[in-house]
N, C-alpha and C. Protein backbone atom coordinates (compact mmCIF):
# COMPACT_ATOMS: atom_id res chain seq x y z
N MET A 1 31.70 3.95 16.28
CA MET A 1 32.54 2.76 16.09
C MET A 1 33.65 2.77 17.13
N ALA A 2 33.81 1.69 17.85
CA ALA A 2 34.85 1.63 18.87
C ALA A 2 36.22 1.53 18.23
N THR A 3 37.24 2.09 18.90
CA THR A 3 38.62 1.99 18.41
C THR A 3 39.46 1.34 19.49
N SER A 4 40.63 0.81 19.09
CA SER A 4 41.49 0.13 20.06
C SER A 4 42.01 1.11 21.10
N GLU A 5 42.25 2.36 20.71
CA GLU A 5 42.75 3.34 21.65
C GLU A 5 41.73 3.62 22.75
N GLU A 6 40.46 3.57 22.42
CA GLU A 6 39.43 3.92 23.38
C GLU A 6 39.09 2.77 24.32
N PHE A 7 39.17 1.52 23.83
CA PHE A 7 38.62 0.42 24.60
C PHE A 7 39.62 -0.70 24.93
N CYS A 8 40.83 -0.58 24.52
CA CYS A 8 41.79 -1.67 24.75
C CYS A 8 42.14 -1.78 26.24
N ASP A 9 42.10 -3.04 26.75
CA ASP A 9 42.56 -3.26 28.11
C ASP A 9 43.91 -3.98 28.07
N ALA A 10 44.37 -4.42 29.22
CA ALA A 10 45.70 -5.02 29.30
C ALA A 10 45.84 -6.27 28.46
N HIS A 11 44.74 -7.00 28.28
CA HIS A 11 44.81 -8.25 27.54
C HIS A 11 44.22 -8.15 26.13
N GLY A 12 43.67 -7.01 25.80
CA GLY A 12 43.11 -6.84 24.47
C GLY A 12 41.75 -7.49 24.27
N VAL A 13 41.13 -7.97 25.33
CA VAL A 13 39.86 -8.69 25.20
C VAL A 13 38.74 -7.77 24.74
N THR A 14 38.62 -6.61 25.37
CA THR A 14 37.54 -5.69 25.03
C THR A 14 37.67 -5.20 23.59
N THR A 15 38.87 -4.95 23.15
CA THR A 15 39.10 -4.49 21.79
C THR A 15 38.58 -5.50 20.77
N VAL A 16 38.86 -6.73 20.97
CA VAL A 16 38.43 -7.77 20.03
C VAL A 16 36.92 -7.82 19.96
N LYS A 17 36.24 -7.78 21.10
CA LYS A 17 34.79 -7.83 21.13
C LYS A 17 34.17 -6.63 20.41
N SER A 18 34.73 -5.46 20.67
CA SER A 18 34.18 -4.26 20.06
C SER A 18 34.33 -4.30 18.55
N ASP A 19 35.50 -4.71 18.06
CA ASP A 19 35.73 -4.77 16.62
C ASP A 19 34.79 -5.76 15.95
N VAL A 20 34.58 -6.91 16.57
CA VAL A 20 33.68 -7.91 16.00
C VAL A 20 32.27 -7.37 15.90
N ALA A 21 31.82 -6.67 16.95
CA ALA A 21 30.47 -6.11 16.94
C ALA A 21 30.32 -5.08 15.84
N THR A 22 31.36 -4.25 15.64
CA THR A 22 31.29 -3.22 14.61
C THR A 22 31.29 -3.81 13.22
N ILE A 23 32.11 -4.84 13.02
CA ILE A 23 32.19 -5.48 11.71
C ILE A 23 30.88 -6.17 11.36
N SER A 24 30.22 -6.77 12.34
CA SER A 24 28.99 -7.52 12.08
C SER A 24 27.77 -6.62 11.92
N LEU A 25 27.89 -5.35 12.30
CA LEU A 25 26.75 -4.44 12.25
C LEU A 25 26.13 -4.30 10.87
N PRO A 26 26.89 -4.07 9.78
CA PRO A 26 26.26 -3.91 8.46
C PRO A 26 25.40 -5.08 8.03
N ALA A 27 25.73 -6.28 8.48
CA ALA A 27 24.95 -7.45 8.09
C ALA A 27 23.53 -7.39 8.63
N ARG A 28 23.30 -6.60 9.68
CA ARG A 28 21.98 -6.52 10.29
C ARG A 28 21.17 -5.32 9.79
N LEU A 29 21.75 -4.53 8.91
CA LEU A 29 21.08 -3.32 8.46
C LEU A 29 20.28 -3.57 7.19
N PRO A 30 19.04 -3.09 7.12
CA PRO A 30 18.21 -3.30 5.94
C PRO A 30 18.58 -2.36 4.80
N GLN A 31 18.34 -2.79 3.58
CA GLN A 31 18.54 -1.91 2.42
C GLN A 31 17.61 -0.70 2.51
N PHE A 32 18.05 0.41 1.96
CA PHE A 32 17.27 1.64 2.01
C PHE A 32 15.89 1.44 1.39
N TRP A 33 14.87 1.99 2.05
CA TRP A 33 13.47 1.84 1.63
C TRP A 33 12.96 3.21 1.19
N ARG A 34 13.02 3.49 -0.09
CA ARG A 34 12.67 4.84 -0.56
C ARG A 34 11.18 5.14 -0.47
N GLN A 35 10.34 4.08 -0.36
CA GLN A 35 8.90 4.33 -0.24
C GLN A 35 8.54 4.99 1.09
N ASN A 36 9.37 4.79 2.10
CA ASN A 36 9.11 5.43 3.40
C ASN A 36 10.45 5.72 4.08
N PRO A 37 11.17 6.71 3.59
CA PRO A 37 12.52 6.98 4.10
C PRO A 37 12.54 7.38 5.57
N ARG A 38 11.52 8.11 6.02
CA ARG A 38 11.50 8.53 7.43
C ARG A 38 11.46 7.31 8.35
N LEU A 39 10.62 6.34 8.00
CA LEU A 39 10.53 5.12 8.80
C LEU A 39 11.83 4.32 8.72
N TRP A 40 12.44 4.28 7.53
CA TRP A 40 13.69 3.53 7.38
C TRP A 40 14.79 4.11 8.26
N PHE A 41 14.92 5.43 8.27
CA PHE A 41 15.97 6.04 9.09
C PHE A 41 15.72 5.80 10.58
N ALA A 42 14.45 5.76 10.98
CA ALA A 42 14.14 5.44 12.37
C ALA A 42 14.60 4.02 12.70
N GLN A 43 14.39 3.09 11.78
CA GLN A 43 14.82 1.71 11.96
C GLN A 43 16.35 1.63 11.99
N PHE A 44 16.99 2.33 11.08
CA PHE A 44 18.46 2.33 11.01
C PHE A 44 19.06 2.85 12.31
N GLU A 45 18.55 3.96 12.81
CA GLU A 45 19.10 4.56 14.02
C GLU A 45 18.87 3.68 15.23
N ALA A 46 17.75 2.95 15.24
CA ALA A 46 17.51 2.00 16.33
C ALA A 46 18.52 0.85 16.27
N ALA A 47 18.86 0.42 15.05
CA ALA A 47 19.78 -0.70 14.88
C ALA A 47 21.21 -0.36 15.32
N VAL A 48 21.60 0.90 15.15
CA VAL A 48 22.99 1.28 15.48
C VAL A 48 23.10 1.97 16.84
N ALA A 49 21.99 2.15 17.53
CA ALA A 49 22.00 2.91 18.78
C ALA A 49 22.96 2.32 19.81
N ALA A 50 22.95 1.00 19.94
CA ALA A 50 23.79 0.36 20.96
C ALA A 50 25.28 0.52 20.66
N SER A 51 25.63 0.76 19.41
CA SER A 51 27.04 0.90 19.03
C SER A 51 27.61 2.26 19.37
N LYS A 52 26.71 3.22 19.63
CA LYS A 52 27.14 4.58 20.01
C LYS A 52 28.11 5.19 19.01
N ILE A 53 27.79 5.06 17.73
CA ILE A 53 28.66 5.60 16.69
C ILE A 53 28.26 7.04 16.35
N GLY A 54 29.18 7.77 15.75
CA GLY A 54 28.93 9.17 15.44
C GLY A 54 28.47 9.39 14.01
N GLU A 55 28.41 10.68 13.61
CA GLU A 55 27.92 11.07 12.28
C GLU A 55 28.73 10.42 11.16
N GLU A 56 30.03 10.45 11.29
CA GLU A 56 30.90 9.91 10.24
C GLU A 56 30.64 8.42 10.01
N GLN A 57 30.55 7.68 11.10
CA GLN A 57 30.33 6.24 10.98
C GLN A 57 28.93 5.93 10.43
N LYS A 58 27.93 6.69 10.87
CA LYS A 58 26.57 6.49 10.35
C LYS A 58 26.53 6.76 8.84
N PHE A 59 27.19 7.81 8.43
CA PHE A 59 27.26 8.14 7.01
C PHE A 59 27.87 6.98 6.22
N ASN A 60 28.97 6.46 6.72
CA ASN A 60 29.67 5.37 6.03
C ASN A 60 28.85 4.08 6.00
N LEU A 61 27.98 3.89 6.97
CA LEU A 61 27.13 2.71 6.98
C LEU A 61 25.94 2.85 6.04
N VAL A 62 25.41 4.06 5.92
CA VAL A 62 24.22 4.27 5.09
C VAL A 62 24.54 4.19 3.60
N VAL A 63 25.63 4.79 3.19
CA VAL A 63 25.93 4.89 1.75
C VAL A 63 25.91 3.53 1.04
N PRO A 64 26.51 2.47 1.58
CA PRO A 64 26.46 1.17 0.88
C PRO A 64 25.05 0.57 0.80
N LEU A 65 24.12 1.09 1.58
CA LEU A 65 22.76 0.55 1.58
C LEU A 65 21.86 1.23 0.54
N LEU A 66 22.42 2.18 -0.20
CA LEU A 66 21.64 2.94 -1.18
C LEU A 66 21.78 2.35 -2.58
N GLY A 67 20.72 2.51 -3.37
CA GLY A 67 20.77 2.12 -4.77
C GLY A 67 21.36 3.22 -5.63
N ASN A 68 21.57 2.93 -6.91
CA ASN A 68 22.18 3.90 -7.82
C ASN A 68 21.36 5.18 -7.92
N SER A 69 20.04 5.04 -8.04
CA SER A 69 19.20 6.23 -8.15
C SER A 69 19.23 7.06 -6.88
N ASP A 70 19.40 6.39 -5.73
CA ASP A 70 19.49 7.11 -4.46
C ASP A 70 20.81 7.88 -4.38
N LEU A 71 21.88 7.25 -4.85
CA LEU A 71 23.19 7.89 -4.81
C LEU A 71 23.21 9.16 -5.67
N GLU A 72 22.47 9.13 -6.77
CA GLU A 72 22.41 10.32 -7.63
C GLU A 72 21.81 11.51 -6.88
N GLN A 73 20.89 11.23 -5.96
CA GLN A 73 20.24 12.31 -5.22
C GLN A 73 21.18 12.97 -4.20
N ILE A 74 22.22 12.26 -3.80
CA ILE A 74 23.13 12.81 -2.79
C ILE A 74 24.56 12.88 -3.31
N ALA A 75 24.73 12.91 -4.63
CA ALA A 75 26.07 12.89 -5.22
C ALA A 75 26.94 14.03 -4.70
N ASP A 76 26.37 15.22 -4.57
CA ASP A 76 27.16 16.37 -4.11
C ASP A 76 27.62 16.19 -2.67
N ILE A 77 26.79 15.54 -1.85
CA ILE A 77 27.17 15.32 -0.45
C ILE A 77 28.30 14.29 -0.35
N ILE A 78 28.27 13.30 -1.23
CA ILE A 78 29.32 12.27 -1.22
C ILE A 78 30.63 12.81 -1.78
N LEU A 79 30.54 13.55 -2.90
CA LEU A 79 31.76 14.03 -3.56
C LEU A 79 32.36 15.24 -2.85
N ASN A 80 31.50 16.08 -2.28
CA ASN A 80 31.98 17.26 -1.55
C ASN A 80 31.26 17.33 -0.21
N PRO A 81 31.59 16.44 0.70
CA PRO A 81 30.87 16.37 1.97
C PRO A 81 31.09 17.61 2.82
N PRO A 82 30.09 18.00 3.59
CA PRO A 82 30.26 19.14 4.50
C PRO A 82 31.26 18.79 5.60
N ALA A 83 31.82 19.81 6.20
CA ALA A 83 32.82 19.58 7.24
C ALA A 83 32.22 18.89 8.45
N THR A 84 30.97 19.20 8.74
CA THR A 84 30.27 18.56 9.85
C THR A 84 28.86 18.18 9.41
N GLY A 85 28.27 17.22 10.09
CA GLY A 85 26.89 16.84 9.82
C GLY A 85 26.67 16.09 8.52
N LYS A 86 27.62 15.25 8.13
CA LYS A 86 27.47 14.51 6.87
C LYS A 86 26.23 13.61 6.89
N TYR A 87 26.06 12.88 7.98
CA TYR A 87 24.92 11.96 8.06
C TYR A 87 23.61 12.73 8.09
N SER A 88 23.55 13.81 8.85
CA SER A 88 22.32 14.60 8.93
C SER A 88 21.95 15.19 7.58
N SER A 89 22.95 15.65 6.83
CA SER A 89 22.69 16.21 5.50
C SER A 89 22.16 15.15 4.56
N LEU A 90 22.78 13.97 4.59
CA LEU A 90 22.32 12.85 3.76
C LEU A 90 20.89 12.46 4.11
N LYS A 91 20.61 12.35 5.39
CA LYS A 91 19.28 11.96 5.85
C LYS A 91 18.22 12.96 5.41
N GLU A 92 18.48 14.24 5.63
CA GLU A 92 17.51 15.27 5.25
C GLU A 92 17.26 15.28 3.75
N ARG A 93 18.31 15.09 2.96
CA ARG A 93 18.17 15.10 1.50
C ARG A 93 17.30 13.94 1.03
N LEU A 94 17.56 12.75 1.53
CA LEU A 94 16.79 11.58 1.09
C LEU A 94 15.34 11.65 1.53
N ILE A 95 15.11 12.13 2.73
CA ILE A 95 13.72 12.26 3.21
C ILE A 95 12.97 13.30 2.38
N SER A 96 13.60 14.43 2.13
CA SER A 96 12.92 15.48 1.35
C SER A 96 12.68 15.04 -0.09
N THR A 97 13.54 14.16 -0.61
CA THR A 97 13.39 13.69 -1.99
C THR A 97 12.26 12.69 -2.14
N TYR A 98 12.17 11.75 -1.21
CA TYR A 98 11.25 10.63 -1.39
C TYR A 98 9.98 10.68 -0.54
N GLN A 99 10.05 11.35 0.60
CA GLN A 99 8.88 11.32 1.48
C GLN A 99 7.73 12.11 0.85
N GLU A 100 6.54 11.54 0.87
CA GLU A 100 5.38 12.22 0.33
C GLU A 100 5.12 13.50 1.10
N SER A 101 4.70 14.52 0.40
CA SER A 101 4.38 15.78 1.05
C SER A 101 3.14 15.62 1.92
N ASP A 102 2.98 16.52 2.87
CA ASP A 102 1.79 16.48 3.72
C ASP A 102 0.52 16.59 2.90
N HIS A 103 0.57 17.43 1.87
CA HIS A 103 -0.62 17.61 1.02
C HIS A 103 -0.97 16.31 0.30
N ARG A 104 0.06 15.62 -0.19
CA ARG A 104 -0.18 14.36 -0.90
C ARG A 104 -0.71 13.29 0.04
N GLN A 105 -0.19 13.23 1.26
CA GLN A 105 -0.68 12.27 2.23
C GLN A 105 -2.15 12.50 2.54
N LEU A 106 -2.51 13.76 2.72
CA LEU A 106 -3.90 14.07 3.02
C LEU A 106 -4.80 13.77 1.83
N GLN A 107 -4.31 14.05 0.63
CA GLN A 107 -5.08 13.75 -0.58
C GLN A 107 -5.34 12.25 -0.69
N LYS A 108 -4.34 11.44 -0.38
CA LYS A 108 -4.51 9.99 -0.42
C LYS A 108 -5.54 9.55 0.62
N LEU A 109 -5.49 10.17 1.79
CA LEU A 109 -6.44 9.85 2.84
C LEU A 109 -7.87 10.14 2.40
N LEU A 110 -8.06 11.26 1.75
CA LEU A 110 -9.40 11.67 1.34
C LEU A 110 -9.97 10.80 0.24
N SER A 111 -9.12 10.28 -0.63
CA SER A 111 -9.64 9.62 -1.83
C SER A 111 -9.48 8.11 -1.86
N GLY A 112 -8.56 7.55 -1.08
CA GLY A 112 -8.22 6.16 -1.33
C GLY A 112 -8.68 5.11 -0.34
N LEU A 113 -9.20 5.50 0.82
CA LEU A 113 -9.48 4.51 1.85
C LEU A 113 -10.96 4.17 1.96
N GLU A 114 -11.24 2.88 2.10
CA GLU A 114 -12.59 2.39 2.36
C GLU A 114 -12.50 1.32 3.43
N LEU A 115 -13.64 1.03 4.06
CA LEU A 115 -13.65 0.04 5.13
C LEU A 115 -13.34 -1.35 4.59
N GLY A 116 -14.04 -1.77 3.54
CA GLY A 116 -13.80 -3.09 2.95
C GLY A 116 -13.93 -4.20 3.98
N ASP A 117 -12.93 -5.08 4.03
CA ASP A 117 -12.94 -6.20 4.98
C ASP A 117 -12.21 -5.88 6.28
N GLN A 118 -11.78 -4.65 6.44
CA GLN A 118 -11.06 -4.28 7.65
C GLN A 118 -12.01 -4.09 8.82
N LYS A 119 -11.44 -4.11 10.01
CA LYS A 119 -12.18 -3.68 11.19
C LYS A 119 -12.19 -2.15 11.20
N PRO A 120 -13.22 -1.54 11.79
CA PRO A 120 -13.22 -0.08 11.90
C PRO A 120 -11.97 0.47 12.58
N SER A 121 -11.45 -0.24 13.58
CA SER A 121 -10.25 0.23 14.28
C SER A 121 -9.03 0.21 13.36
N GLN A 122 -8.96 -0.77 12.46
CA GLN A 122 -7.85 -0.82 11.50
C GLN A 122 -7.92 0.34 10.52
N LEU A 123 -9.12 0.64 10.07
CA LEU A 123 -9.30 1.77 9.16
C LEU A 123 -8.90 3.07 9.85
N LEU A 124 -9.29 3.23 11.10
CA LEU A 124 -8.95 4.44 11.84
C LEU A 124 -7.44 4.60 11.97
N ARG A 125 -6.74 3.50 12.24
CA ARG A 125 -5.28 3.58 12.37
C ARG A 125 -4.63 4.00 11.05
N LYS A 126 -5.12 3.46 9.95
CA LYS A 126 -4.57 3.84 8.64
C LYS A 126 -4.82 5.32 8.37
N MET A 127 -6.02 5.78 8.67
CA MET A 127 -6.35 7.18 8.43
C MET A 127 -5.50 8.09 9.31
N ARG A 128 -5.26 7.67 10.54
CA ARG A 128 -4.45 8.48 11.45
C ARG A 128 -2.99 8.52 10.98
N ASP A 129 -2.49 7.37 10.51
CA ASP A 129 -1.11 7.32 10.02
C ASP A 129 -0.92 8.24 8.82
N LEU A 130 -1.88 8.23 7.92
CA LEU A 130 -1.77 9.05 6.72
C LEU A 130 -1.92 10.53 7.01
N SER A 131 -2.83 10.85 7.92
CA SER A 131 -3.11 12.26 8.18
C SER A 131 -2.04 12.91 9.05
N GLY A 132 -1.33 12.09 9.88
CA GLY A 132 -0.33 12.67 10.75
C GLY A 132 -0.97 13.69 11.68
N LYS A 133 -0.43 14.90 11.67
CA LYS A 133 -0.97 15.98 12.50
C LYS A 133 -1.76 16.99 11.68
N LEU A 134 -2.13 16.60 10.46
CA LEU A 134 -2.83 17.54 9.58
C LEU A 134 -4.30 17.68 9.95
N LEU A 135 -4.86 16.67 10.61
CA LEU A 135 -6.28 16.71 10.95
C LEU A 135 -6.46 16.63 12.45
N SER A 136 -7.42 17.37 12.96
CA SER A 136 -7.80 17.24 14.36
C SER A 136 -8.55 15.93 14.55
N ASP A 137 -8.67 15.49 15.79
CA ASP A 137 -9.41 14.26 16.07
C ASP A 137 -10.86 14.38 15.63
N GLU A 138 -11.42 15.56 15.76
CA GLU A 138 -12.82 15.75 15.38
C GLU A 138 -13.01 15.60 13.87
N ALA A 139 -12.10 16.19 13.10
CA ALA A 139 -12.18 16.06 11.64
C ALA A 139 -11.93 14.62 11.21
N LEU A 140 -10.97 13.97 11.87
CA LEU A 140 -10.69 12.57 11.56
C LEU A 140 -11.89 11.70 11.89
N LYS A 141 -12.56 12.00 12.98
CA LYS A 141 -13.75 11.24 13.38
C LYS A 141 -14.84 11.32 12.32
N VAL A 142 -15.07 12.51 11.80
CA VAL A 142 -16.11 12.69 10.77
C VAL A 142 -15.78 11.87 9.53
N MET A 143 -14.53 11.94 9.08
CA MET A 143 -14.14 11.19 7.89
C MET A 143 -14.23 9.69 8.11
N TRP A 144 -13.84 9.26 9.31
CA TRP A 144 -13.90 7.83 9.64
C TRP A 144 -15.34 7.33 9.70
N LEU A 145 -16.21 8.09 10.35
CA LEU A 145 -17.61 7.70 10.47
C LEU A 145 -18.27 7.55 9.10
N ASN A 146 -17.87 8.39 8.17
CA ASN A 146 -18.48 8.33 6.83
C ASN A 146 -18.18 7.02 6.10
N GLN A 147 -17.18 6.29 6.56
CA GLN A 147 -16.83 5.02 5.92
C GLN A 147 -17.50 3.82 6.59
N LEU A 148 -18.21 4.02 7.68
CA LEU A 148 -18.84 2.92 8.41
C LEU A 148 -20.24 2.64 7.89
N PRO A 149 -20.73 1.40 8.06
CA PRO A 149 -22.12 1.09 7.68
C PRO A 149 -23.10 1.97 8.44
N ALA A 150 -24.25 2.20 7.85
CA ALA A 150 -25.23 3.15 8.40
C ALA A 150 -25.64 2.79 9.82
N GLN A 151 -25.87 1.48 10.11
CA GLN A 151 -26.33 1.11 11.44
C GLN A 151 -25.28 1.41 12.50
N VAL A 152 -24.03 1.13 12.18
CA VAL A 152 -22.94 1.39 13.11
C VAL A 152 -22.74 2.89 13.29
N ARG A 153 -22.76 3.61 12.19
CA ARG A 153 -22.56 5.07 12.24
C ARG A 153 -23.64 5.74 13.09
N ALA A 154 -24.88 5.27 12.97
CA ALA A 154 -25.98 5.88 13.71
C ALA A 154 -25.78 5.79 15.21
N VAL A 155 -25.21 4.68 15.67
CA VAL A 155 -24.99 4.49 17.11
C VAL A 155 -23.74 5.23 17.57
N ILE A 156 -22.66 5.10 16.81
CA ILE A 156 -21.38 5.68 17.22
C ILE A 156 -21.41 7.21 17.19
N SER A 157 -22.09 7.77 16.22
CA SER A 157 -22.05 9.23 16.03
C SER A 157 -22.67 10.01 17.19
N VAL A 158 -23.58 9.39 17.94
CA VAL A 158 -24.23 10.11 19.04
C VAL A 158 -23.41 10.06 20.32
N ASN A 159 -22.35 9.27 20.34
CA ASN A 159 -21.49 9.17 21.51
C ASN A 159 -20.44 10.28 21.45
N THR A 160 -20.59 11.26 22.27
CA THR A 160 -19.69 12.41 22.25
C THR A 160 -18.69 12.41 23.41
N GLU A 161 -18.78 11.40 24.27
CA GLU A 161 -17.93 11.38 25.46
C GLU A 161 -16.68 10.52 25.28
N SER A 162 -16.78 9.45 24.50
CA SER A 162 -15.68 8.50 24.38
C SER A 162 -14.60 9.00 23.42
N SER A 163 -13.38 8.51 23.62
CA SER A 163 -12.29 8.84 22.71
C SER A 163 -12.47 8.10 21.39
N LEU A 164 -11.71 8.51 20.39
CA LEU A 164 -11.79 7.85 19.09
C LEU A 164 -11.41 6.37 19.19
N GLU A 165 -10.43 6.07 20.01
CA GLU A 165 -10.01 4.68 20.17
C GLU A 165 -11.12 3.84 20.78
N MET A 166 -11.82 4.39 21.76
CA MET A 166 -12.93 3.67 22.38
C MET A 166 -14.08 3.49 21.40
N LEU A 167 -14.34 4.51 20.60
CA LEU A 167 -15.40 4.40 19.59
C LEU A 167 -15.05 3.33 18.56
N ALA A 168 -13.77 3.26 18.20
CA ALA A 168 -13.34 2.25 17.23
C ALA A 168 -13.53 0.85 17.80
N ALA A 169 -13.22 0.67 19.08
CA ALA A 169 -13.42 -0.63 19.72
C ALA A 169 -14.90 -1.00 19.75
N MET A 170 -15.75 -0.01 20.03
CA MET A 170 -17.20 -0.25 20.02
C MET A 170 -17.67 -0.64 18.62
N ALA A 171 -17.16 0.05 17.62
CA ALA A 171 -17.55 -0.24 16.23
C ALA A 171 -17.12 -1.65 15.83
N ASP A 172 -15.94 -2.06 16.29
CA ASP A 172 -15.47 -3.43 16.01
C ASP A 172 -16.46 -4.46 16.56
N LYS A 173 -16.90 -4.24 17.81
CA LYS A 173 -17.85 -5.17 18.44
C LYS A 173 -19.17 -5.19 17.68
N MET A 174 -19.63 -4.03 17.27
CA MET A 174 -20.90 -3.97 16.54
C MET A 174 -20.80 -4.69 15.21
N MET A 175 -19.68 -4.53 14.53
CA MET A 175 -19.52 -5.16 13.22
C MET A 175 -19.54 -6.69 13.31
N GLU A 176 -19.14 -7.22 14.47
CA GLU A 176 -19.15 -8.67 14.65
C GLU A 176 -20.56 -9.25 14.62
N HIS A 177 -21.55 -8.40 14.92
CA HIS A 177 -22.93 -8.88 15.01
C HIS A 177 -23.73 -8.60 13.74
N PHE A 178 -23.09 -7.99 12.76
CA PHE A 178 -23.78 -7.70 11.51
C PHE A 178 -23.26 -8.61 10.41
N GLU A 179 -24.16 -9.28 9.73
CA GLU A 179 -23.78 -10.06 8.56
C GLU A 179 -23.60 -9.11 7.38
N PRO A 180 -22.63 -9.37 6.51
CA PRO A 180 -22.44 -8.50 5.34
C PRO A 180 -23.71 -8.34 4.51
N THR A 181 -24.52 -9.42 4.41
CA THR A 181 -25.73 -9.34 3.60
C THR A 181 -26.73 -8.37 4.19
N SER A 182 -26.81 -8.35 5.55
CA SER A 182 -27.76 -7.44 6.18
C SER A 182 -27.31 -6.00 6.02
N ILE A 183 -25.99 -5.79 6.07
CA ILE A 183 -25.47 -4.44 5.87
C ILE A 183 -25.76 -3.97 4.45
N ASN A 184 -25.54 -4.86 3.49
CA ASN A 184 -25.82 -4.51 2.11
C ASN A 184 -27.29 -4.25 1.89
N ALA A 185 -28.14 -5.04 2.57
CA ALA A 185 -29.58 -4.86 2.40
C ALA A 185 -30.03 -3.51 2.93
N VAL A 186 -29.46 -3.12 4.10
CA VAL A 186 -29.81 -1.82 4.66
C VAL A 186 -29.34 -0.71 3.75
N SER A 187 -28.13 -0.85 3.22
CA SER A 187 -27.62 0.17 2.31
C SER A 187 -28.49 0.29 1.08
N THR A 188 -28.93 -0.86 0.54
CA THR A 188 -29.79 -0.84 -0.64
C THR A 188 -31.11 -0.18 -0.35
N THR A 189 -31.68 -0.50 0.83
CA THR A 189 -32.96 0.10 1.20
C THR A 189 -32.83 1.60 1.36
N THR A 190 -31.73 2.03 2.02
CA THR A 190 -31.52 3.46 2.21
C THR A 190 -31.38 4.18 0.89
N THR A 191 -30.59 3.60 -0.01
CA THR A 191 -30.39 4.22 -1.32
C THR A 191 -31.69 4.30 -2.09
N ALA A 192 -32.47 3.22 -2.06
CA ALA A 192 -33.72 3.21 -2.80
C ALA A 192 -34.71 4.22 -2.24
N SER A 193 -34.74 4.35 -0.91
CA SER A 193 -35.69 5.29 -0.32
C SER A 193 -35.33 6.71 -0.65
N LYS A 194 -34.01 6.99 -0.77
CA LYS A 194 -33.58 8.33 -1.14
C LYS A 194 -34.02 8.67 -2.56
N ARG A 195 -34.16 7.66 -3.38
CA ARG A 195 -34.58 7.89 -4.77
C ARG A 195 -36.09 7.89 -4.91
N GLY A 196 -36.80 7.70 -3.79
CA GLY A 196 -38.25 7.72 -3.86
C GLY A 196 -38.85 6.41 -4.29
N LYS A 197 -38.06 5.32 -4.22
CA LYS A 197 -38.56 4.01 -4.62
C LYS A 197 -38.29 3.01 -3.51
N LEU A 198 -39.10 1.97 -3.44
CA LEU A 198 -38.90 0.91 -2.48
C LEU A 198 -38.27 -0.29 -3.17
N PRO A 199 -37.48 -1.10 -2.43
CA PRO A 199 -36.94 -2.32 -3.02
C PRO A 199 -38.06 -3.25 -3.44
N PRO A 200 -37.83 -4.17 -4.38
CA PRO A 200 -38.87 -5.05 -4.90
C PRO A 200 -39.62 -5.81 -3.83
N LEU A 201 -38.96 -6.26 -2.76
CA LEU A 201 -39.63 -7.06 -1.74
C LEU A 201 -40.65 -6.25 -0.97
N LEU A 202 -40.52 -4.93 -0.96
CA LEU A 202 -41.45 -4.09 -0.22
C LEU A 202 -42.48 -3.42 -1.12
N ALA A 203 -42.50 -3.75 -2.39
CA ALA A 203 -43.47 -3.15 -3.31
C ALA A 203 -44.87 -3.64 -2.97
N LEU A 204 -45.84 -2.73 -2.92
CA LEU A 204 -47.20 -3.07 -2.55
C LEU A 204 -48.01 -3.51 -3.76
N PRO A 205 -48.65 -4.72 -3.71
CA PRO A 205 -49.57 -5.09 -4.79
C PRO A 205 -50.78 -4.16 -4.75
N THR A 206 -51.10 -3.54 -5.86
CA THR A 206 -52.17 -2.53 -5.88
C THR A 206 -53.52 -3.13 -5.57
N SER A 207 -53.72 -4.43 -5.77
CA SER A 207 -55.03 -5.03 -5.56
C SER A 207 -55.24 -5.51 -4.13
N GLN A 208 -54.21 -5.45 -3.23
CA GLN A 208 -54.35 -5.99 -1.89
C GLN A 208 -53.82 -5.04 -0.82
N PRO A 209 -54.16 -3.77 -0.82
CA PRO A 209 -53.61 -2.85 0.18
C PRO A 209 -54.13 -3.13 1.57
N PHE A 210 -55.43 -3.48 1.71
CA PHE A 210 -56.01 -3.67 3.04
C PHE A 210 -55.50 -4.95 3.69
N THR A 211 -55.30 -6.01 2.92
CA THR A 211 -54.78 -7.27 3.46
C THR A 211 -53.40 -7.07 4.07
N LEU A 212 -52.55 -6.33 3.37
CA LEU A 212 -51.20 -6.08 3.86
C LEU A 212 -51.23 -5.25 5.13
N ALA A 213 -52.11 -4.26 5.18
CA ALA A 213 -52.21 -3.39 6.35
C ALA A 213 -52.65 -4.19 7.56
N ILE A 214 -53.63 -5.11 7.39
CA ILE A 214 -54.10 -5.94 8.49
C ILE A 214 -53.00 -6.86 8.98
N THR A 215 -52.22 -7.43 8.06
CA THR A 215 -51.12 -8.33 8.43
C THR A 215 -50.07 -7.61 9.26
N ILE A 216 -49.71 -6.41 8.85
CA ILE A 216 -48.72 -5.62 9.59
C ILE A 216 -49.23 -5.28 10.98
N GLN A 217 -50.53 -4.89 11.07
CA GLN A 217 -51.11 -4.52 12.35
C GLN A 217 -51.13 -5.72 13.30
N THR A 218 -51.50 -6.91 12.79
CA THR A 218 -51.55 -8.12 13.61
C THR A 218 -50.16 -8.50 14.12
N ALA A 219 -49.18 -8.44 13.24
CA ALA A 219 -47.80 -8.77 13.63
C ALA A 219 -47.30 -7.82 14.70
N TRP A 220 -47.65 -6.54 14.59
CA TRP A 220 -47.22 -5.56 15.59
C TRP A 220 -47.85 -5.84 16.94
N ALA A 221 -49.15 -6.25 16.92
CA ALA A 221 -49.86 -6.52 18.16
C ALA A 221 -49.25 -7.71 18.89
N GLU A 222 -48.80 -8.73 18.12
CA GLU A 222 -48.19 -9.89 18.72
C GLU A 222 -46.83 -9.56 19.33
């Protein structure tokens, strides 16, 4: 936070501008987001970076942005603040309180994500965000491939030269050419074949085996 002693010139012009900027700063700051405190603090620090304020001022700006339950988590820091590093102590406490553990993030990654209506590249980004640095690219690739339709997975999995991002772009292009019904049909056929049964449309009439064989052979020849 600028002070008049630091920035005042002969006419007081700079002082007035600095004070106005400092006063208006809280209006631009978002309320604390306990669902993702690490991201919130990154946003907060970006918002105040141009003001070049110190630990004390950052601390004083953050406290009014907290809810009652958040204040309870840092009551000791507010009532008996450390001699130095007040803002850093507050930040570390809130992140450690609310941020999901690495184990929990990985557990969510393993159990909660499916391709659905997303593009393969969107799914990959979500998986990468959740896993952080807990998974190697190779392990992430395996988990990502398992969520793709069989036809796409069969093509992408044999490509060992391209990066994950390039593979995701390829998968996006492939998905554009597949109708959802055809993907579902292939999945149904694969599932049925694994169970030792064929889908109803491929069931052979027991009284006409030779007719069907001749038809298939003729179609292949054409």
